[in-house]
Amino acid sequence: MPSTTPSRTIDAVTLAERLDTGDVRVIDVRTPAEFETVHIPGSWNVPLDLLREHRAELTRHLDDDVVLVCRSGVRAGQAEQALAGSGLPGLRVLEGGMSAWEAAGAPARRGRQSWELERQVRLLAGALVATGVAGSALVPRLKWLAGGVGTGLVVAAATNTCALGAALSRMPWNRGASEPDMVAVLESLAVSA
């Protein structure tokens, strides 16, 4: 099974210092709604699925020093894996993600508030398990719903992926006011180079 553990990380304090000098680009791979809620000023939102789909085009517009960001570091690690072999020697993952960034008191731009993807997964998984257990008193086969969710969570932990999270990221409420357009992102990266 492929590892999604980032091989090279950068801490929040060091990234904040590097941003002050302007020698690093930050790519945020969270959903548009998560990005709109809070993000690092000057970062670009390229959701993980979009990054995977357009990785060749994206790497042609990036400098050597790029930091990938998500909420905790997991999706950024997956993005790093997707960009592996891209020829970006300075590719790093923000250690601890936006959680660590905010904990360090680093500057953050805030917008419309929404639930983070991991919180949505916990809510839905918990609701499905509770429904399966409670409903099995009337419909015994509903116990398999709880078992299926539990199995899915075990697989998600073992593979460090989350099918439920991937599905939820495509839901309308996880879209921001403005959906990232790869052409616009690439143009913006070219202008800021």
N, C-alpha and C. Protein backbone atom coordinates (compact mmCIF):
# COMPACT_ATOMS: atom_id res chain seq x y z
N MET A 1 0.85 -1.18 0.00
CA MET A 1 0.00 0.00 0.00
C MET A 1 0.89 1.23 0.00
N PRO A 2 0.62 2.23 -0.85
CA PRO A 2 1.45 3.42 -0.93
C PRO A 2 1.29 4.27 0.31
N SER A 3 2.38 4.85 0.73
CA SER A 3 2.37 5.73 1.88
C SER A 3 2.00 7.14 1.44
N THR A 4 1.21 7.80 2.28
CA THR A 4 0.89 9.20 1.99
C THR A 4 1.57 10.10 3.02
N THR A 5 2.51 9.53 3.75
CA THR A 5 3.25 10.34 4.71
C THR A 5 4.21 11.23 3.95
N PRO A 6 4.14 12.52 4.19
CA PRO A 6 5.02 13.42 3.45
C PRO A 6 6.48 13.17 3.79
N SER A 7 7.32 13.20 2.77
CA SER A 7 8.74 12.97 3.01
C SER A 7 9.43 14.25 3.47
N ARG A 8 8.90 15.39 3.09
CA ARG A 8 9.51 16.66 3.47
C ARG A 8 8.42 17.59 3.97
N THR A 9 8.64 18.12 5.16
CA THR A 9 7.65 19.02 5.75
C THR A 9 8.30 20.35 6.09
N ILE A 10 7.44 21.30 6.41
CA ILE A 10 7.88 22.62 6.88
C ILE A 10 6.92 23.01 8.00
N ASP A 11 7.45 23.60 9.07
CA ASP A 11 6.58 23.98 10.17
C ASP A 11 5.97 25.37 9.90
N ALA A 12 4.93 25.69 10.65
CA ALA A 12 4.18 26.93 10.43
C ALA A 12 5.04 28.18 10.61
N VAL A 13 5.89 28.20 11.61
CA VAL A 13 6.71 29.38 11.88
C VAL A 13 7.69 29.63 10.71
N THR A 14 8.32 28.55 10.25
CA THR A 14 9.26 28.69 9.14
C THR A 14 8.53 29.13 7.87
N LEU A 15 7.35 28.57 7.62
CA LEU A 15 6.59 28.97 6.43
C LEU A 15 6.21 30.44 6.52
N ALA A 16 5.77 30.90 7.68
CA ALA A 16 5.41 32.31 7.84
C ALA A 16 6.60 33.22 7.52
N GLU A 17 7.78 32.83 7.99
CA GLU A 17 8.99 33.61 7.69
C GLU A 17 9.29 33.60 6.20
N ARG A 18 9.15 32.45 5.56
CA ARG A 18 9.42 32.33 4.12
C ARG A 18 8.41 33.13 3.30
N LEU A 19 7.17 33.18 3.76
CA LEU A 19 6.15 33.96 3.04
C LEU A 19 6.47 35.45 3.10
N ASP A 20 7.05 35.88 4.20
CA ASP A 20 7.44 37.29 4.32
C ASP A 20 8.49 37.67 3.28
N THR A 21 9.35 36.74 2.90
CA THR A 21 10.38 37.01 1.91
C THR A 21 9.88 36.77 0.48
N GLY A 22 8.70 36.12 0.36
CA GLY A 22 8.10 35.91 -0.96
C GLY A 22 8.78 34.85 -1.81
N ASP A 23 9.50 33.94 -1.19
CA ASP A 23 10.22 32.94 -1.99
C ASP A 23 9.58 31.55 -1.96
N VAL A 24 8.29 31.49 -1.68
CA VAL A 24 7.59 30.20 -1.64
C VAL A 24 6.15 30.40 -2.09
N ARG A 25 5.61 29.38 -2.74
CA ARG A 25 4.19 29.41 -3.13
C ARG A 25 3.43 28.38 -2.30
N VAL A 26 2.22 28.73 -1.94
CA VAL A 26 1.40 27.85 -1.11
C VAL A 26 0.18 27.40 -1.91
N ILE A 27 0.03 26.09 -2.02
CA ILE A 27 -1.13 25.49 -2.70
C ILE A 27 -1.97 24.79 -1.63
N ASP A 28 -3.21 25.23 -1.49
CA ASP A 28 -4.14 24.68 -0.51
C ASP A 28 -5.03 23.67 -1.22
N VAL A 29 -4.99 22.40 -0.79
CA VAL A 29 -5.69 21.33 -1.50
C VAL A 29 -7.04 20.97 -0.88
N ARG A 30 -7.53 21.80 0.04
CA ARG A 30 -8.83 21.54 0.66
C ARG A 30 -9.97 21.90 -0.29
N THR A 31 -11.19 21.60 0.14
CA THR A 31 -12.35 21.95 -0.67
C THR A 31 -12.48 23.47 -0.75
N PRO A 32 -13.18 23.98 -1.76
CA PRO A 32 -13.38 25.42 -1.85
C PRO A 32 -14.05 26.02 -0.62
N ALA A 33 -15.01 25.30 -0.02
CA ALA A 33 -15.69 25.83 1.17
C ALA A 33 -14.73 25.90 2.35
N GLU A 34 -13.87 24.90 2.51
CA GLU A 34 -12.88 24.93 3.59
C GLU A 34 -11.91 26.09 3.37
N PHE A 35 -11.48 26.27 2.13
CA PHE A 35 -10.56 27.36 1.80
C PHE A 35 -11.20 28.70 2.09
N GLU A 36 -12.47 28.84 1.72
CA GLU A 36 -13.19 30.09 1.95
C GLU A 36 -13.32 30.38 3.45
N THR A 37 -13.47 29.35 4.26
CA THR A 37 -13.60 29.51 5.70
C THR A 37 -12.35 30.15 6.29
N VAL A 38 -11.19 29.60 5.96
CA VAL A 38 -9.92 30.15 6.45
C VAL A 38 -8.79 29.63 5.58
N HIS A 39 -7.88 30.53 5.21
CA HIS A 39 -6.72 30.11 4.43
C HIS A 39 -5.55 31.06 4.67
N ILE A 40 -4.40 30.61 4.23
CA ILE A 40 -3.18 31.40 4.34
C ILE A 40 -3.24 32.50 3.28
N PRO A 41 -3.07 33.76 3.67
CA PRO A 41 -3.10 34.84 2.67
C PRO A 41 -2.07 34.59 1.57
N GLY A 42 -2.50 34.77 0.33
CA GLY A 42 -1.61 34.58 -0.81
C GLY A 42 -1.56 33.16 -1.33
N SER A 43 -2.29 32.24 -0.70
CA SER A 43 -2.29 30.85 -1.17
C SER A 43 -3.29 30.67 -2.30
N TRP A 44 -3.09 29.61 -3.07
CA TRP A 44 -3.99 29.27 -4.17
C TRP A 44 -4.76 28.03 -3.78
N ASN A 45 -6.07 28.02 -4.07
CA ASN A 45 -6.90 26.86 -3.80
C ASN A 45 -6.94 25.97 -5.03
N VAL A 46 -6.35 24.79 -4.89
CA VAL A 46 -6.39 23.76 -5.93
C VAL A 46 -6.80 22.47 -5.23
N PRO A 47 -8.12 22.20 -5.14
CA PRO A 47 -8.58 21.01 -4.44
C PRO A 47 -7.86 19.75 -4.93
N LEU A 48 -7.71 18.79 -4.04
CA LEU A 48 -6.93 17.58 -4.31
C LEU A 48 -7.32 16.91 -5.63
N ASP A 49 -8.61 16.73 -5.88
CA ASP A 49 -9.04 16.09 -7.13
C ASP A 49 -8.60 16.89 -8.35
N LEU A 50 -8.72 18.21 -8.28
CA LEU A 50 -8.31 19.09 -9.38
C LEU A 50 -6.80 19.02 -9.58
N LEU A 51 -6.05 18.98 -8.48
CA LEU A 51 -4.59 18.88 -8.56
C LEU A 51 -4.19 17.57 -9.23
N ARG A 52 -4.83 16.48 -8.83
CA ARG A 52 -4.50 15.18 -9.44
C ARG A 52 -4.79 15.19 -10.94
N GLU A 53 -5.91 15.78 -11.31
CA GLU A 53 -6.33 15.80 -12.71
C GLU A 53 -5.41 16.67 -13.58
N HIS A 54 -4.88 17.75 -13.02
CA HIS A 54 -4.09 18.71 -13.79
C HIS A 54 -2.66 18.85 -13.30
N ARG A 55 -2.12 17.80 -12.71
CA ARG A 55 -0.78 17.91 -12.09
C ARG A 55 0.31 18.29 -13.07
N ALA A 56 0.27 17.79 -14.30
CA ALA A 56 1.32 18.12 -15.28
C ALA A 56 1.27 19.60 -15.62
N GLU A 57 0.08 20.13 -15.89
CA GLU A 57 -0.05 21.56 -16.20
C GLU A 57 0.37 22.42 -15.02
N LEU A 58 -0.04 22.00 -13.83
CA LEU A 58 0.24 22.77 -12.63
C LEU A 58 1.75 22.86 -12.36
N THR A 59 2.45 21.75 -12.46
CA THR A 59 3.88 21.77 -12.15
C THR A 59 4.67 22.63 -13.13
N ARG A 60 4.17 22.79 -14.36
CA ARG A 60 4.86 23.66 -15.32
C ARG A 60 4.79 25.13 -14.91
N HIS A 61 3.84 25.48 -14.04
CA HIS A 61 3.66 26.87 -13.62
C HIS A 61 4.15 27.14 -12.20
N LEU A 62 4.79 26.17 -11.60
CA LEU A 62 5.25 26.33 -10.22
C LEU A 62 6.76 26.52 -10.17
N ASP A 63 7.19 27.29 -9.19
CA ASP A 63 8.63 27.44 -8.91
C ASP A 63 9.10 26.19 -8.17
N ASP A 64 10.37 26.19 -7.84
CA ASP A 64 10.94 25.07 -7.11
C ASP A 64 10.36 24.93 -5.71
N ASP A 65 10.09 26.05 -5.03
CA ASP A 65 9.64 26.01 -3.64
C ASP A 65 8.13 26.14 -3.55
N VAL A 66 7.49 25.01 -3.22
CA VAL A 66 6.03 24.94 -3.11
C VAL A 66 5.69 24.24 -1.80
N VAL A 67 4.72 24.79 -1.08
CA VAL A 67 4.22 24.16 0.14
C VAL A 67 2.76 23.80 -0.08
N LEU A 68 2.44 22.55 0.21
CA LEU A 68 1.08 22.04 0.09
C LEU A 68 0.41 22.08 1.46
N VAL A 69 -0.86 22.50 1.48
CA VAL A 69 -1.57 22.71 2.74
C VAL A 69 -2.94 22.06 2.67
N CYS A 70 -3.36 21.48 3.80
CA CYS A 70 -4.74 21.05 4.00
C CYS A 70 -5.08 21.32 5.46
N ARG A 71 -6.05 20.67 6.00
CA ARG A 71 -6.42 20.93 7.40
C ARG A 71 -5.39 20.36 8.36
N SER A 72 -4.99 19.09 8.15
CA SER A 72 -4.10 18.43 9.11
C SER A 72 -2.79 17.93 8.52
N GLY A 73 -2.70 17.87 7.20
CA GLY A 73 -1.50 17.38 6.54
C GLY A 73 -1.72 16.12 5.74
N VAL A 74 -2.84 15.43 5.94
CA VAL A 74 -3.09 14.16 5.25
C VAL A 74 -3.33 14.38 3.76
N ARG A 75 -4.29 15.24 3.41
CA ARG A 75 -4.56 15.47 1.98
C ARG A 75 -3.38 16.14 1.29
N ALA A 76 -2.66 17.00 2.01
CA ALA A 76 -1.46 17.62 1.43
C ALA A 76 -0.41 16.54 1.15
N GLY A 77 -0.31 15.55 2.02
CA GLY A 77 0.59 14.42 1.78
C GLY A 77 0.18 13.63 0.56
N GLN A 78 -1.13 13.47 0.36
CA GLN A 78 -1.62 12.79 -0.84
C GLN A 78 -1.30 13.62 -2.09
N ALA A 79 -1.41 14.93 -1.97
CA ALA A 79 -1.07 15.81 -3.09
C ALA A 79 0.42 15.70 -3.40
N GLU A 80 1.23 15.61 -2.36
CA GLU A 80 2.67 15.44 -2.56
C GLU A 80 2.96 14.15 -3.33
N GLN A 81 2.26 13.09 -2.96
CA GLN A 81 2.42 11.82 -3.67
C GLN A 81 2.01 11.97 -5.14
N ALA A 82 0.93 12.71 -5.39
CA ALA A 82 0.46 12.92 -6.76
C ALA A 82 1.48 13.71 -7.57
N LEU A 83 2.21 14.60 -6.91
CA LEU A 83 3.20 15.43 -7.60
C LEU A 83 4.61 14.82 -7.57
N ALA A 84 4.72 13.64 -6.97
CA ALA A 84 6.03 12.98 -6.90
C ALA A 84 6.59 12.82 -8.31
N GLY A 85 7.86 13.09 -8.44
CA GLY A 85 8.49 13.00 -9.75
C GLY A 85 8.26 14.20 -10.62
N SER A 86 7.69 15.27 -10.07
CA SER A 86 7.37 16.46 -10.87
C SER A 86 8.59 17.33 -11.12
N GLY A 87 9.67 17.04 -10.41
CA GLY A 87 10.86 17.86 -10.60
C GLY A 87 10.87 19.11 -9.74
N LEU A 88 10.04 19.16 -8.72
CA LEU A 88 10.01 20.30 -7.80
C LEU A 88 10.82 19.92 -6.56
N PRO A 89 12.08 20.31 -6.52
CA PRO A 89 12.93 19.89 -5.40
C PRO A 89 12.52 20.50 -4.06
N GLY A 90 11.83 21.62 -4.09
CA GLY A 90 11.43 22.28 -2.85
C GLY A 90 10.01 21.99 -2.44
N LEU A 91 9.44 20.89 -2.92
CA LEU A 91 8.06 20.53 -2.59
C LEU A 91 7.98 20.08 -1.14
N ARG A 92 7.11 20.74 -0.37
CA ARG A 92 6.97 20.42 1.05
C ARG A 92 5.49 20.40 1.43
N VAL A 93 5.22 19.83 2.61
CA VAL A 93 3.88 19.79 3.18
C VAL A 93 3.92 20.55 4.49
N LEU A 94 2.93 21.41 4.72
CA LEU A 94 2.85 22.14 5.98
C LEU A 94 2.53 21.14 7.08
N GLU A 95 3.46 20.97 7.98
CA GLU A 95 3.32 20.03 9.09
C GLU A 95 2.16 20.47 9.99
N GLY A 96 1.18 19.59 10.15
CA GLY A 96 0.01 19.91 10.98
C GLY A 96 -1.05 20.72 10.26
N GLY A 97 -0.79 21.12 9.02
CA GLY A 97 -1.77 21.83 8.20
C GLY A 97 -2.25 23.14 8.80
N MET A 98 -3.46 23.53 8.39
CA MET A 98 -4.05 24.79 8.86
C MET A 98 -4.25 24.78 10.37
N SER A 99 -4.45 23.61 10.95
CA SER A 99 -4.59 23.53 12.41
C SER A 99 -3.32 24.05 13.08
N ALA A 100 -2.16 23.61 12.60
CA ALA A 100 -0.89 24.08 13.16
C ALA A 100 -0.64 25.54 12.83
N TRP A 101 -1.03 25.95 11.62
CA TRP A 101 -0.86 27.35 11.20
C TRP A 101 -1.61 28.28 12.15
N GLU A 102 -2.87 27.96 12.42
CA GLU A 102 -3.67 28.80 13.31
C GLU A 102 -3.15 28.73 14.74
N ALA A 103 -2.73 27.54 15.19
CA ALA A 103 -2.20 27.39 16.54
C ALA A 103 -0.94 28.23 16.74
N ALA A 104 -0.17 28.42 15.67
CA ALA A 104 1.06 29.22 15.74
C ALA A 104 0.76 30.72 15.72
N GLY A 105 -0.51 31.08 15.53
CA GLY A 105 -0.87 32.49 15.48
C GLY A 105 -0.47 33.17 14.19
N ALA A 106 -0.23 32.38 13.15
CA ALA A 106 0.17 32.93 11.85
C ALA A 106 -1.04 33.61 11.20
N PRO A 107 -0.80 34.56 10.29
CA PRO A 107 -1.92 35.28 9.68
C PRO A 107 -2.81 34.36 8.86
N ALA A 108 -4.10 34.60 8.97
CA ALA A 108 -5.08 33.80 8.23
C ALA A 108 -6.20 34.70 7.74
N ARG A 109 -6.67 34.42 6.55
CA ARG A 109 -7.79 35.18 5.98
C ARG A 109 -9.05 34.35 6.19
N ARG A 110 -10.05 34.97 6.78
CA ARG A 110 -11.30 34.27 7.10
C ARG A 110 -12.45 34.75 6.23
N GLY A 111 -13.35 33.82 5.96
CA GLY A 111 -14.53 34.12 5.17
C GLY A 111 -15.75 33.43 5.76
N ARG A 112 -16.66 33.06 4.89
CA ARG A 112 -17.88 32.36 5.32
C ARG A 112 -17.49 31.06 6.02
N GLN A 113 -18.07 30.83 7.19
CA GLN A 113 -17.73 29.66 7.99
C GLN A 113 -18.52 28.43 7.54
N SER A 114 -17.83 27.29 7.50
CA SER A 114 -18.46 26.01 7.21
C SER A 114 -17.71 24.92 7.94
N TRP A 115 -18.31 23.76 8.03
CA TRP A 115 -17.68 22.63 8.72
C TRP A 115 -16.54 22.07 7.89
N GLU A 116 -15.46 21.68 8.56
CA GLU A 116 -14.33 21.04 7.89
C GLU A 116 -14.76 19.65 7.44
N LEU A 117 -14.11 19.14 6.42
CA LEU A 117 -14.46 17.86 5.83
C LEU A 117 -14.38 16.73 6.86
N GLU A 118 -13.36 16.70 7.69
CA GLU A 118 -13.24 15.63 8.68
C GLU A 118 -14.41 15.64 9.66
N ARG A 119 -14.90 16.81 10.01
CA ARG A 119 -16.04 16.91 10.92
C ARG A 119 -17.30 16.37 10.24
N GLN A 120 -17.46 16.66 8.96
CA GLN A 120 -18.60 16.14 8.21
C GLN A 120 -18.56 14.61 8.15
N VAL A 121 -17.36 14.05 7.95
CA VAL A 121 -17.21 12.58 7.91
C VAL A 121 -17.62 11.99 9.25
N ARG A 122 -17.14 12.58 10.35
CA ARG A 122 -17.49 12.06 11.68
C ARG A 122 -19.00 12.11 11.91
N LEU A 123 -19.64 13.21 11.50
CA LEU A 123 -21.09 13.34 11.67
C LEU A 123 -21.83 12.27 10.88
N LEU A 124 -21.50 12.12 9.61
CA LEU A 124 -22.22 11.17 8.78
C LEU A 124 -21.96 9.73 9.21
N ALA A 125 -20.71 9.39 9.51
CA ALA A 125 -20.39 8.04 9.96
C ALA A 125 -21.12 7.73 11.26
N GLY A 126 -21.08 8.67 12.20
CA GLY A 126 -21.77 8.46 13.47
C GLY A 126 -23.27 8.31 13.30
N ALA A 127 -23.86 9.14 12.43
CA ALA A 127 -25.31 9.06 12.18
C ALA A 127 -25.68 7.73 11.54
N LEU A 128 -24.87 7.25 10.62
CA LEU A 128 -25.16 5.96 9.98
C LEU A 128 -25.05 4.81 10.97
N VAL A 129 -24.03 4.83 11.83
CA VAL A 129 -23.88 3.77 12.84
C VAL A 129 -25.05 3.81 13.82
N ALA A 130 -25.39 5.01 14.32
CA ALA A 130 -26.50 5.13 15.26
C ALA A 130 -27.81 4.66 14.63
N THR A 131 -28.03 5.02 13.36
CA THR A 131 -29.24 4.58 12.66
C THR A 131 -29.26 3.06 12.52
N GLY A 132 -28.12 2.49 12.15
CA GLY A 132 -28.03 1.03 11.99
C GLY A 132 -28.30 0.30 13.28
N VAL A 133 -27.73 0.77 14.39
CA VAL A 133 -27.92 0.11 15.68
C VAL A 133 -29.35 0.29 16.17
N ALA A 134 -29.83 1.52 16.18
CA ALA A 134 -31.19 1.79 16.68
C ALA A 134 -32.25 1.14 15.79
N GLY A 135 -32.06 1.23 14.49
CA GLY A 135 -33.03 0.67 13.56
C GLY A 135 -33.04 -0.84 13.52
N SER A 136 -31.96 -1.49 13.98
CA SER A 136 -31.90 -2.95 13.92
C SER A 136 -32.89 -3.61 14.88
N ALA A 137 -33.44 -2.83 15.84
CA ALA A 137 -34.48 -3.37 16.71
C ALA A 137 -35.74 -3.66 15.91
N LEU A 138 -35.99 -2.84 14.89
CA LEU A 138 -37.17 -3.04 14.03
C LEU A 138 -36.84 -3.84 12.77
N VAL A 139 -35.68 -3.56 12.20
CA VAL A 139 -35.23 -4.22 10.98
C VAL A 139 -33.84 -4.79 11.26
N PRO A 140 -33.78 -6.07 11.66
CA PRO A 140 -32.50 -6.66 12.09
C PRO A 140 -31.34 -6.50 11.09
N ARG A 141 -31.64 -6.46 9.83
CA ARG A 141 -30.57 -6.33 8.83
C ARG A 141 -29.88 -4.97 8.86
N LEU A 142 -30.45 -3.98 9.50
CA LEU A 142 -29.83 -2.66 9.59
C LEU A 142 -28.52 -2.70 10.39
N LYS A 143 -28.32 -3.77 11.17
CA LYS A 143 -27.06 -3.88 11.92
C LYS A 143 -25.88 -3.91 10.95
N TRP A 144 -26.12 -4.38 9.73
CA TRP A 144 -25.04 -4.46 8.73
C TRP A 144 -24.62 -3.07 8.25
N LEU A 145 -25.52 -2.11 8.35
CA LEU A 145 -25.15 -0.72 8.03
C LEU A 145 -24.06 -0.25 8.98
N ALA A 146 -24.27 -0.49 10.27
CA ALA A 146 -23.26 -0.11 11.27
C ALA A 146 -21.96 -0.86 11.02
N GLY A 147 -22.07 -2.15 10.71
CA GLY A 147 -20.87 -2.95 10.42
C GLY A 147 -20.14 -2.46 9.19
N GLY A 148 -20.88 -2.08 8.17
CA GLY A 148 -20.27 -1.57 6.94
C GLY A 148 -19.54 -0.25 7.16
N VAL A 149 -20.15 0.63 7.94
CA VAL A 149 -19.50 1.91 8.24
C VAL A 149 -18.24 1.66 9.06
N GLY A 150 -18.33 0.77 10.04
CA GLY A 150 -17.15 0.45 10.85
C GLY A 150 -16.03 -0.11 10.01
N THR A 151 -16.37 -1.01 9.08
CA THR A 151 -15.37 -1.58 8.18
C THR A 151 -14.76 -0.49 7.31
N GLY A 152 -15.59 0.40 6.80
CA GLY A 152 -15.09 1.51 5.99
C GLY A 152 -14.12 2.40 6.75
N LEU A 153 -14.40 2.64 8.02
CA LEU A 153 -13.51 3.46 8.85
C LEU A 153 -12.18 2.75 9.09
N VAL A 154 -12.22 1.42 9.27
CA VAL A 154 -10.98 0.66 9.45
C VAL A 154 -10.13 0.73 8.18
N VAL A 155 -10.77 0.54 7.02
CA VAL A 155 -10.06 0.62 5.74
C VAL A 155 -9.50 2.03 5.55
N ALA A 156 -10.28 3.04 5.88
CA ALA A 156 -9.82 4.43 5.75
C ALA A 156 -8.57 4.67 6.60
N ALA A 157 -8.57 4.15 7.82
CA ALA A 157 -7.41 4.33 8.70
C ALA A 157 -6.20 3.55 8.18
N ALA A 158 -6.44 2.32 7.71
CA ALA A 158 -5.33 1.47 7.25
C ALA A 158 -4.68 2.02 5.98
N THR A 159 -5.47 2.62 5.10
CA THR A 159 -4.95 3.11 3.82
C THR A 159 -4.67 4.61 3.83
N ASN A 160 -5.07 5.28 4.92
CA ASN A 160 -4.91 6.72 5.04
C ASN A 160 -5.63 7.45 3.90
N THR A 161 -6.77 6.91 3.51
CA THR A 161 -7.64 7.53 2.52
C THR A 161 -9.05 7.51 3.10
N CYS A 162 -9.96 8.19 2.48
CA CYS A 162 -11.33 8.20 2.98
C CYS A 162 -12.31 8.38 1.83
N ALA A 163 -12.95 7.29 1.44
CA ALA A 163 -13.92 7.35 0.35
C ALA A 163 -15.10 8.25 0.72
N LEU A 164 -15.51 8.20 1.98
CA LEU A 164 -16.62 9.04 2.42
C LEU A 164 -16.24 10.51 2.34
N GLY A 165 -15.02 10.84 2.75
CA GLY A 165 -14.54 12.22 2.64
C GLY A 165 -14.46 12.68 1.20
N ALA A 166 -13.98 11.77 0.32
CA ALA A 166 -13.90 12.12 -1.10
C ALA A 166 -15.29 12.38 -1.67
N ALA A 167 -16.26 11.57 -1.28
CA ALA A 167 -17.64 11.77 -1.76
C ALA A 167 -18.22 13.07 -1.21
N LEU A 168 -18.00 13.33 0.08
CA LEU A 168 -18.53 14.55 0.68
C LEU A 168 -17.89 15.80 0.07
N SER A 169 -16.63 15.72 -0.33
CA SER A 169 -15.96 16.89 -0.89
C SER A 169 -16.60 17.36 -2.19
N ARG A 170 -17.37 16.49 -2.83
CA ARG A 170 -18.03 16.84 -4.09
C ARG A 170 -19.45 17.38 -3.89
N MET A 171 -19.90 17.42 -2.65
CA MET A 171 -21.26 17.88 -2.38
C MET A 171 -21.36 19.40 -2.54
N PRO A 172 -22.55 19.89 -2.89
CA PRO A 172 -22.72 21.32 -3.16
C PRO A 172 -22.32 22.22 -1.99
N TRP A 173 -22.56 21.81 -0.76
CA TRP A 173 -22.22 22.66 0.39
C TRP A 173 -20.71 22.76 0.61
N ASN A 174 -19.93 21.90 -0.05
CA ASN A 174 -18.48 21.99 0.06
C ASN A 174 -17.87 22.78 -1.10
N ARG A 175 -18.70 23.37 -1.86
CA ARG A 175 -18.22 24.25 -2.93
C ARG A 175 -18.22 25.66 -2.39
N GLY A 176 -17.23 26.41 -2.71
CA GLY A 176 -17.15 27.78 -2.23
C GLY A 176 -17.96 28.72 -3.10
N ALA A 177 -17.93 29.98 -2.73
CA ALA A 177 -18.63 31.00 -3.52
C ALA A 177 -18.09 31.01 -4.94
N SER A 178 -16.79 30.77 -5.07
CA SER A 178 -16.20 30.69 -6.40
C SER A 178 -15.38 29.41 -6.49
N GLU A 179 -15.79 28.55 -7.35
CA GLU A 179 -15.13 27.28 -7.58
C GLU A 179 -13.80 27.53 -8.28
N PRO A 180 -12.71 26.91 -7.82
CA PRO A 180 -11.43 27.13 -8.50
C PRO A 180 -11.48 26.64 -9.95
N ASP A 181 -11.02 27.46 -10.83
CA ASP A 181 -10.95 27.13 -12.25
C ASP A 181 -9.47 26.97 -12.57
N MET A 182 -9.07 25.81 -13.07
CA MET A 182 -7.66 25.55 -13.27
C MET A 182 -7.02 26.54 -14.23
N VAL A 183 -7.72 26.97 -15.24
CA VAL A 183 -7.17 27.96 -16.17
C VAL A 183 -6.86 29.26 -15.42
N ALA A 184 -7.79 29.71 -14.57
CA ALA A 184 -7.57 30.93 -13.80
C ALA A 184 -6.42 30.76 -12.81
N VAL A 185 -6.34 29.59 -12.18
CA VAL A 185 -5.23 29.33 -11.23
C VAL A 185 -3.91 29.40 -11.97
N LEU A 186 -3.82 28.75 -13.13
CA LEU A 186 -2.57 28.73 -13.89
C LEU A 186 -2.19 30.13 -14.36
N GLU A 187 -3.18 30.92 -14.80
CA GLU A 187 -2.89 32.30 -15.21
C GLU A 187 -2.39 33.11 -14.03
N SER A 188 -3.01 32.93 -12.87
CA SER A 188 -2.60 33.65 -11.68
C SER A 188 -1.19 33.26 -11.26
N LEU A 189 -0.86 31.99 -11.35
CA LEU A 189 0.48 31.55 -11.01
C LEU A 189 1.51 32.13 -11.97
N ALA A 190 1.16 32.21 -13.25
CA ALA A 190 2.08 32.76 -14.24
C ALA A 190 2.32 34.25 -14.00
N VAL A 191 1.29 34.98 -13.65
CA VAL A 191 1.41 36.41 -13.41
C VAL A 191 2.25 36.68 -12.17
N SER A 192 2.10 35.87 -11.15
CA SER A 192 2.82 36.12 -9.89
C SER A 192 4.24 35.57 -9.90
N ALA A 193 4.64 34.94 -10.97
CA ALA A 193 5.99 34.34 -11.02
C ALA A 193 7.07 35.39 -11.04
